[in-house]
Amino acid sequence: MPAIDRSEMTAPLPRPTIVFGLGLGVALLAGAVFLYCIRASSIAQWRFVDVDDIMRLQEVKDWQGGQSWFDVTQYRIDPPAGLKMHWSRLLDVPLAAVVLLLRPILGEIEAERAACVIVPLLTFATIALITAAIAWRVLRGSQFTLLAPIFCAFNIGVITIAAPMRIDHHGWQAACGLGMAWALLGPRTVRRAAIAGFCAALWMHISLEGIVFTAGCGAWLGVRWLLKPAREGATLPAYMAATAAGSLGFFLIAHGGALFDRTFCDAVSPVHMVVFALAAIGSAMVVRIAPATLPLRAVALGCVALACATIYKLWAPQCSGGPFTTLTPLTYQLWYQVVREGLPVWQQSAAAGLGWIAFPLVANIGAAFNIRNTPADQREMAVDYAAFLLLATAIGLVVCRAGAFSNILAVPGGLVLLRSALARVGTIRMALLRVLLSALAFIVIFPLGPVFLALTLAPADKYHAGPGGDLCAATTNLAHMNALPASTVLTTLVFSPQLIFTSHHKGVSAGYHRNVASMDDTLRFFTGDDSSAHEIMLRHHARYVLVCPGDGDLDMLADAAPTGLAARLPRGEAPPWLSPVTVPGLRYARVYAVNR
């Protein structure tokens, strides 16, 4: 293997000082306080931001209650088989640890509430520190790095995925992606490439959505090797080998010796591990041979990529269209197409799309500007960062929820642009104009600037839950359902997790794509004819129906079927086989019992 040309390495960065570390700590603390304050009312009212957060905590409770580490099925929805989940138990560990530690002091409920604050803030701290490390490299040791935690905290990405009460997996996904970017910036070594591969494996173990950024980073390493094989050396094989080994390790941790005979399109499976291993072996062979010319290197590496794609296609043809190809037409229309976070930016409202994409676009300008203004012997790192940010931005355009990661990765690029703008403004002699332009630059480049502009222009979401829906969903309100004997309750896909978390009841289904049949049944219950709805109730042995007038999900179903039960039940118009039930203390909701 050719030796790495050390002359092409970037110059060493200055070392952070103690004062710099203290300043970074203060900025981190200020960001954490801000995030706590914006969620203070939700914390006090025990109100979750997203249904997935509720389900995550319920999964933790079930594990602590004796459910196997290897079994993440939610048995209190769609009994007796249970709701099939594709989540990682690994992320239950920090939540469970906080609950176990604080339960003897605070009691069960308050320990869980504390976990919903502490764990997201730890996630934020991880994200902010890695982002600061990236900014330190991109800004070449500039003191502007101190703003990185603030730019993270006041960032739609962090607010969406890593603020208190946000305990689902998206925050840790972003941390893994940032770890990959950090490891691949700067002097390229086998060790750093392996760290990036390990982060990629962890991200894909948490959610297979990380496979796109993983593949993109691998492709970038391949391009770098094609252009400068002596400098890159064995970084691509090391990256892919660590990805393969890490994926196998996390698979064994999550499933033990089981599921080696199964192929999933929404989670790492043997087919993915084999493809990663083949990419590692094939790229190692190509690097070892090291064809002398660029075209020959491209052909050799292209053959490895083609072999990997062929094996995946032959082994898992059902995954070509993604994990949602098994959805029924009704479920695709009334669930998948309504979950806006999974759709491209251009299918969002104009204001929402602008809010998600504006800051990454600004930061891409900063990243490009950084390339132009970085000395030639130090330009590799600037180019790497620009490539990773562009990749993340492109992914965020196609899948809106991925925009959280691109907004966070955009922080160093935004700081580059802010530093440049303030340097130019600083040359202006007129003090008042200098102050005004400095403030304007900060507002325009600040991560929340375009978001506030978007909110000003945004019309209200047609299917956003109204006050009645929010109050109905409150844990203190749904807890009154415990007055009824423990039963299976049919409610909307959004409300089932809230119901099982706050009461002793079971639900029929929830919005998780592996459970196509029960999801389709629930949607047909609310939008189909009365006889079909009755048959669905009896088949699922459901005793009650719960609806909350003002629930955005219910309003959407009512619009889709104006004569269906979604439209009629909130008005008190029930078929003969349903009878209204009064539940003491329950407000804003309507409950019906089925007449067998």
Foldseek 3Di string as FASTA:
>chain_A
DFAADCLLFFDDFDDDDPVLVVLLVVLLVVLLVVLCVVCVVCLVLVHADALLLLLLVVQLVVVVVPDDLQDSFACLAAPDVGHDDLAFSVLSVQLNVQQVVCCVPPNNPVSNSVSLAVVLSVLLVLLQVLLLLLLCLLVRNDSLSSCSSVLSSLFPLSSVARGRSRSADPSLLLSLLSLLLSLCFGQADLVSLLSNLLSLLVNQQRKVLSVLLLVLVLVVLLVVCLVPVSRNQLSSLSSLVSNLVNNVVSCCVNNNPPQQVPDALIHDHVLNSVLSNLLNVQVNVLSVVPDDHSVVSCVSNVVSVVVSVVSCCVVCVVNPVGRQPPADPLCCVQPVLVPQQFAALVSDPPLLSQLLQVLLVQLLVLLVVSLVPDPPSSNPSSVSLSSSLVSLSVSCRGGVSSSSSSRSSSSSSLSSQLVVQLVVLVVDDDPVSSVVSNVVSCLSSRNCNSNVVSVVVDDDDPLAFDPLQSVLLRLVQLLLVQQDPAFEEEEAQRRQSSNVSNHVHGYHHHPDSVPNPSNVLSLCLFAPDPVSVLVSCVVSRGFKYKDAPRRSSLVSSCVVHVPGNSNQVLVVDDPPQWDWDDRPRRPRMTMIGGND
